PDB file of N, CA and C in Angstrom:
ATOM      1  N   MET A   1       0.823  -1.188   0.000  1.00  0.00           N
ATOM      2  CA  MET A   1       0.000   0.000   0.000  1.00  0.00           C
ATOM      3  C   MET A   1       0.869   1.254   0.000  1.00  0.00           C
ATOM      4  N   ILE A   2       1.718   1.370  -0.938  1.00  0.00           N
ATOM      5  CA  ILE A   2       2.555   2.552  -1.061  1.00  0.00           C
ATOM      6  C   ILE A   2       1.703   3.699  -1.586  1.00  0.00           C
ATOM      7  N   GLY A   3       1.820   4.851  -0.948  1.00  0.00           N
ATOM      8  CA  GLY A   3       1.097   6.024  -1.409  1.00  0.00           C
ATOM      9  C   GLY A   3      -0.203   6.271  -0.669  1.00  0.00           C
ATOM     10  N   SER A   4      -0.668   5.345   0.135  1.00  0.00           N
ATOM     11  CA  SER A   4      -1.901   5.598   0.874  1.00  0.00           C
ATOM     12  C   SER A   4      -1.548   6.171   2.240  1.00  0.00           C
ATOM     13  N   ASP A   5      -2.288   7.188   2.630  1.00  0.00           N
ATOM     14  CA  ASP A   5      -2.035   7.848   3.921  1.00  0.00           C
ATOM     15  C   ASP A   5      -3.305   7.802   4.755  1.00  0.00           C
ATOM     16  N   ASN A   6      -3.701   6.637   5.113  1.00  0.00           N
ATOM     17  CA  ASN A   6      -4.943   6.417   5.845  1.00  0.00           C
ATOM     18  C   ASN A   6      -4.882   7.065   7.232  1.00  0.00           C
ATOM     19  N   GLY A   7      -5.363   8.273   7.332  1.00  0.00           N
ATOM     20  CA  GLY A   7      -5.450   8.920   8.634  1.00  0.00           C
ATOM     21  C   GLY A   7      -4.228   9.707   9.049  1.00  0.00           C
ATOM     22  N   TYR A   8      -3.156   9.649   8.282  1.00  0.00           N
ATOM     23  CA  TYR A   8      -1.941  10.361   8.669  1.00  0.00           C
ATOM     24  C   TYR A   8      -1.910  11.799   8.179  1.00  0.00           C
ATOM     25  N   TRP A   9      -2.860  12.211   7.381  1.00  0.00           N
ATOM     26  CA  TRP A   9      -2.849  13.562   6.820  1.00  0.00           C
ATOM     27  C   TRP A   9      -2.978  14.616   7.914  1.00  0.00           C
ATOM     28  N   PHE A  10      -3.747  14.323   8.948  1.00  0.00           N
ATOM     29  CA  PHE A  10      -3.946  15.310  10.021  1.00  0.00           C
ATOM     30  C   PHE A  10      -2.677  15.484  10.845  1.00  0.00           C
ATOM     31  N   ILE A  11      -2.013  14.403  11.161  1.00  0.00           N
ATOM     32  CA  ILE A  11      -0.755  14.469  11.910  1.00  0.00           C
ATOM     33  C   ILE A  11       0.304  15.196  11.092  1.00  0.00           C
ATOM     34  N   ARG A  12       0.384  14.875   9.791  1.00  0.00           N
ATOM     35  CA  ARG A  12       1.332  15.545   8.914  1.00  0.00           C
ATOM     36  C   ARG A  12       1.038  17.039   8.840  1.00  0.00           C
ATOM     37  N   LEU A  13      -0.227  17.408   8.769  1.00  0.00           N
ATOM     38  CA  LEU A  13      -0.622  18.819   8.738  1.00  0.00           C
ATOM     39  C   LEU A  13      -0.186  19.530  10.021  1.00  0.00           C
ATOM     40  N   LEU A  14      -0.419  18.909  11.173  1.00  0.00           N
ATOM     41  CA  LEU A  14      -0.025  19.512  12.443  1.00  0.00           C
ATOM     42  C   LEU A  14       1.491  19.669  12.553  1.00  0.00           C
ATOM     43  N   LEU A  15       2.236  18.657  12.125  1.00  0.00           N
ATOM     44  CA  LEU A  15       3.693  18.731  12.196  1.00  0.00           C
ATOM     45  C   LEU A  15       4.243  19.814  11.273  1.00  0.00           C
ATOM     46  N   GLN A  16       3.707  19.907  10.064  1.00  0.00           N
ATOM     47  CA  GLN A  16       4.186  20.920   9.126  1.00  0.00           C
ATOM     48  C   GLN A  16       3.857  22.323   9.605  1.00  0.00           C
ATOM     49  N   ARG A  17       2.654  22.514  10.115  1.00  0.00           N
ATOM     50  CA  ARG A  17       2.271  23.840  10.620  1.00  0.00           C
ATOM     51  C   ARG A  17       3.072  24.202  11.865  1.00  0.00           C
ATOM     52  N   GLY A  18       3.317  23.234  12.715  1.00  0.00           N
ATOM     53  CA  GLY A  18       4.116  23.483  13.909  1.00  0.00           C
ATOM     54  C   GLY A  18       5.552  23.845  13.576  1.00  0.00           C
ATOM     55  N   LEU A  19       6.135  23.135  12.634  1.00  0.00           N
ATOM     56  CA  LEU A  19       7.498  23.439  12.213  1.00  0.00           C
ATOM     57  C   LEU A  19       7.572  24.804  11.544  1.00  0.00           C
ATOM     58  N   GLY A  20       6.565  25.130  10.749  1.00  0.00           N
ATOM     59  CA  GLY A  20       6.504  26.458  10.138  1.00  0.00           C
ATOM     60  C   GLY A  20       6.404  27.553  11.182  1.00  0.00           C
ATOM     61  N   LEU A  21       5.640  27.316  12.232  1.00  0.00           N
ATOM     62  CA  LEU A  21       5.509  28.299  13.315  1.00  0.00           C
ATOM     63  C   LEU A  21       6.835  28.486  14.057  1.00  0.00           C
ATOM     64  N   ILE A  22       7.550  27.400  14.273  1.00  0.00           N
ATOM     65  CA  ILE A  22       8.850  27.488  14.942  1.00  0.00           C
ATOM     66  C   ILE A  22       9.839  28.288  14.094  1.00  0.00           C
ATOM     67  N   TYR A  23       9.860  28.026  12.781  1.00  0.00           N
ATOM     68  CA  TYR A  23      10.737  28.783  11.887  1.00  0.00           C
ATOM     69  C   TYR A  23      10.355  30.258  11.848  1.00  0.00           C
ATOM     70  N   LEU A  24       9.054  30.545  11.809  1.00  0.00           N
ATOM     71  CA  LEU A  24       8.590  31.929  11.802  1.00  0.00           C
ATOM     72  C   LEU A  24       9.022  32.654  13.066  1.00  0.00           C
ATOM     73  N   MET A  25       8.895  32.012  14.209  1.00  0.00           N
ATOM     74  CA  MET A  25       9.318  32.628  15.465  1.00  0.00           C
ATOM     75  C   MET A  25      10.821  32.874  15.473  1.00  0.00           C
ATOM     76  N   GLY A  26      11.590  31.934  14.939  1.00  0.00           N
ATOM     77  CA  GLY A  26      13.040  32.104  14.875  1.00  0.00           C
ATOM     78  C   GLY A  26      13.434  33.275  13.999  1.00  0.00           C
ATOM     79  N   PHE A  27      12.798  33.416  12.829  1.00  0.00           N
ATOM     80  CA  PHE A  27      13.113  34.525  11.948  1.00  0.00           C
ATOM     81  C   PHE A  27      12.688  35.862  12.549  1.00  0.00           C
ATOM     82  N   LEU A  28      11.559  35.891  13.258  1.00  0.00           N
ATOM     83  CA  LEU A  28      11.125  37.136  13.889  1.00  0.00           C
ATOM     84  C   LEU A  28      12.071  37.550  15.010  1.00  0.00           C
ATOM     85  N   VAL A  29      12.567  36.595  15.767  1.00  0.00           N
ATOM     86  CA  VAL A  29      13.536  36.898  16.825  1.00  0.00           C
ATOM     87  C   VAL A  29      14.833  37.410  16.213  1.00  0.00           C
ATOM     88  N   ALA A  30      15.295  36.767  15.139  1.00  0.00           N
ATOM     89  CA  ALA A  30      16.522  37.218  14.471  1.00  0.00           C
ATOM     90  C   ALA A  30      16.347  38.611  13.888  1.00  0.00           C
ATOM     91  N   LEU A  31      15.190  38.899  13.322  1.00  0.00           N
ATOM     92  CA  LEU A  31      14.916  40.221  12.776  1.00  0.00           C
ATOM     93  C   LEU A  31      14.893  41.271  13.881  1.00  0.00           C
ATOM     94  N   ASN A  32      14.335  40.916  15.016  1.00  0.00           N
ATOM     95  CA  ASN A  32      14.271  41.842  16.148  1.00  0.00           C
ATOM     96  C   ASN A  32      15.657  42.117  16.720  1.00  0.00           C
ATOM     97  N   GLN A  33      16.538  41.139  16.712  1.00  0.00           N
ATOM     98  CA  GLN A  33      17.867  41.310  17.280  1.00  0.00           C
ATOM     99  C   GLN A  33      18.867  41.888  16.287  1.00  0.00           C
ATOM    100  N   PHE A  34      18.529  41.905  15.007  1.00  0.00           N
ATOM    101  CA  PHE A  34      19.480  42.349  13.996  1.00  0.00           C
ATOM    102  C   PHE A  34      19.754  43.845  14.086  1.00  0.00           C
ATOM    103  N   ARG A  35      18.738  44.645  14.318  1.00  0.00           N
ATOM    104  CA  ARG A  35      18.910  46.095  14.344  1.00  0.00           C
ATOM    105  C   ARG A  35      19.886  46.562  15.425  1.00  0.00           C
ATOM    106  N   PRO A  36      19.777  46.106  16.669  1.00  0.00           N
ATOM    107  CA  PRO A  36      20.757  46.558  17.670  1.00  0.00           C
ATOM    108  C   PRO A  36      22.172  46.029  17.440  1.00  0.00           C
ATOM    109  N   LEU A  37      22.314  44.927  16.738  1.00  0.00           N
ATOM    110  CA  LEU A  37      23.637  44.321  16.558  1.00  0.00           C
ATOM    111  C   LEU A  37      24.411  44.885  15.376  1.00  0.00           C
ATOM    112  N   CYS A  38      23.741  45.513  14.428  1.00  0.00           N
ATOM    113  CA  CYS A  38      24.447  45.999  13.251  1.00  0.00           C
ATOM    114  C   CYS A  38      24.648  47.509  13.345  1.00  0.00           C
ATOM    115  N   GLY A  39      25.473  48.014  12.489  1.00  0.00           N
ATOM    116  CA  GLY A  39      25.709  49.445  12.435  1.00  0.00           C
ATOM    117  C   GLY A  39      27.008  49.841  13.117  1.00  0.00           C
ATOM    118  N   ASP A  40      27.280  51.150  13.137  1.00  0.00           N
ATOM    119  CA  ASP A  40      28.516  51.647  13.734  1.00  0.00           C
ATOM    120  C   ASP A  40      28.528  51.536  15.248  1.00  0.00           C
ATOM    121  N   ARG A  41      27.366  51.530  15.861  1.00  0.00           N
ATOM    122  CA  ARG A  41      27.294  51.440  17.324  1.00  0.00           C
ATOM    123  C   ARG A  41      26.789  50.078  17.776  1.00  0.00           C
ATOM    124  N   GLY A  42      26.970  49.082  16.959  1.00  0.00           N
ATOM    125  CA  GLY A  42      26.492  47.743  17.264  1.00  0.00           C
ATOM    126  C   GLY A  42      27.398  47.014  18.238  1.00  0.00           C
ATOM    127  N   LEU A  43      27.108  45.749  18.405  1.00  0.00           N
ATOM    128  CA  LEU A  43      27.883  44.930  19.326  1.00  0.00           C
ATOM    129  C   LEU A  43      29.336  44.811  18.886  1.00  0.00           C
ATOM    130  N   LEU A  44      29.543  44.559  17.620  1.00  0.00           N
ATOM    131  CA  LEU A  44      30.889  44.503  17.058  1.00  0.00           C
ATOM    132  C   LEU A  44      30.880  45.370  15.802  1.00  0.00           C
ATOM    133  N   PRO A  45      31.215  46.637  15.937  1.00  0.00           N
ATOM    134  CA  PRO A  45      31.156  47.525  14.775  1.00  0.00           C
ATOM    135  C   PRO A  45      32.044  47.031  13.642  1.00  0.00           C
ATOM    136  N   ALA A  46      31.549  47.175  12.436  1.00  0.00           N
ATOM    137  CA  ALA A  46      32.248  46.648  11.268  1.00  0.00           C
ATOM    138  C   ALA A  46      33.578  47.363  11.048  1.00  0.00           C
ATOM    139  N   THR A  47      33.631  48.668  11.281  1.00  0.00           N
ATOM    140  CA  THR A  47      34.879  49.387  11.035  1.00  0.00           C
ATOM    141  C   THR A  47      35.967  48.960  12.017  1.00  0.00           C
ATOM    142  N   THR A  48      35.610  48.757  13.267  1.00  0.00           N
ATOM    143  CA  THR A  48      36.597  48.333  14.263  1.00  0.00           C
ATOM    144  C   THR A  48      37.102  46.928  13.966  1.00  0.00           C
ATOM    145  N   SER A  49      36.209  46.035  13.650  1.00  0.00           N
ATOM    146  CA  SER A  49      36.644  44.660  13.380  1.00  0.00           C
ATOM    147  C   SER A  49      37.434  44.588  12.075  1.00  0.00           C
ATOM    148  N   ARG A  50      37.106  45.423  11.102  1.00  0.00           N
ATOM    149  CA  ARG A  50      37.821  45.417   9.832  1.00  0.00           C
ATOM    150  C   ARG A  50      39.260  45.914  10.039  1.00  0.00           C
ATOM    151  N   PHE A  51      39.419  46.971  10.833  1.00  0.00           N
ATOM    152  CA  PHE A  51      40.765  47.477  11.097  1.00  0.00           C
ATOM    153  C   PHE A  51      41.548  46.521  11.972  1.00  0.00           C
ATOM    154  N   GLY A  52      40.866  45.818  12.861  1.00  0.00           N
ATOM    155  CA  GLY A  52      41.527  44.822  13.697  1.00  0.00           C
ATOM    156  C   GLY A  52      42.068  43.668  12.882  1.00  0.00           C
ATOM    157  N   ILE A  53      41.372  43.300  11.846  1.00  0.00           N
ATOM    158  CA  ILE A  53      41.821  42.197  10.989  1.00  0.00           C
ATOM    159  C   ILE A  53      43.052  42.612  10.189  1.00  0.00           C
ATOM    160  N   ARG A  54      43.098  43.864   9.761  1.00  0.00           N
ATOM    161  CA  ARG A  54      44.251  44.340   8.988  1.00  0.00           C
ATOM    162  C   ARG A  54      45.522  44.346   9.829  1.00  0.00           C
ATOM    163  N   THR A  55      45.420  44.646  11.113  1.00  0.00           N
ATOM    164  CA  THR A  55      46.623  44.723  11.947  1.00  0.00           C
ATOM    165  C   THR A  55      47.142  43.340  12.342  1.00  0.00           C
ATOM    166  N   LEU A  56      46.290  42.319  12.242  1.00  0.00           N
ATOM    167  CA  LEU A  56      46.755  40.978  12.590  1.00  0.00           C
ATOM    168  C   LEU A  56      47.574  40.479  11.463  1.00  0.00           C
TER     169      LEU A  56
END
């Protein structure tokens, strides 16, 4: 009986929607944290780290 999903469609639907919700929450958290971390006054400013790499 390859290809028959007798009753498993609901479980598959719940798992896919749940995984999608987890990914959505992860992307929203990353988007929320991205603004304070980037820029000249961020956690690791790009200009400082770039000049630090040149001196090494």
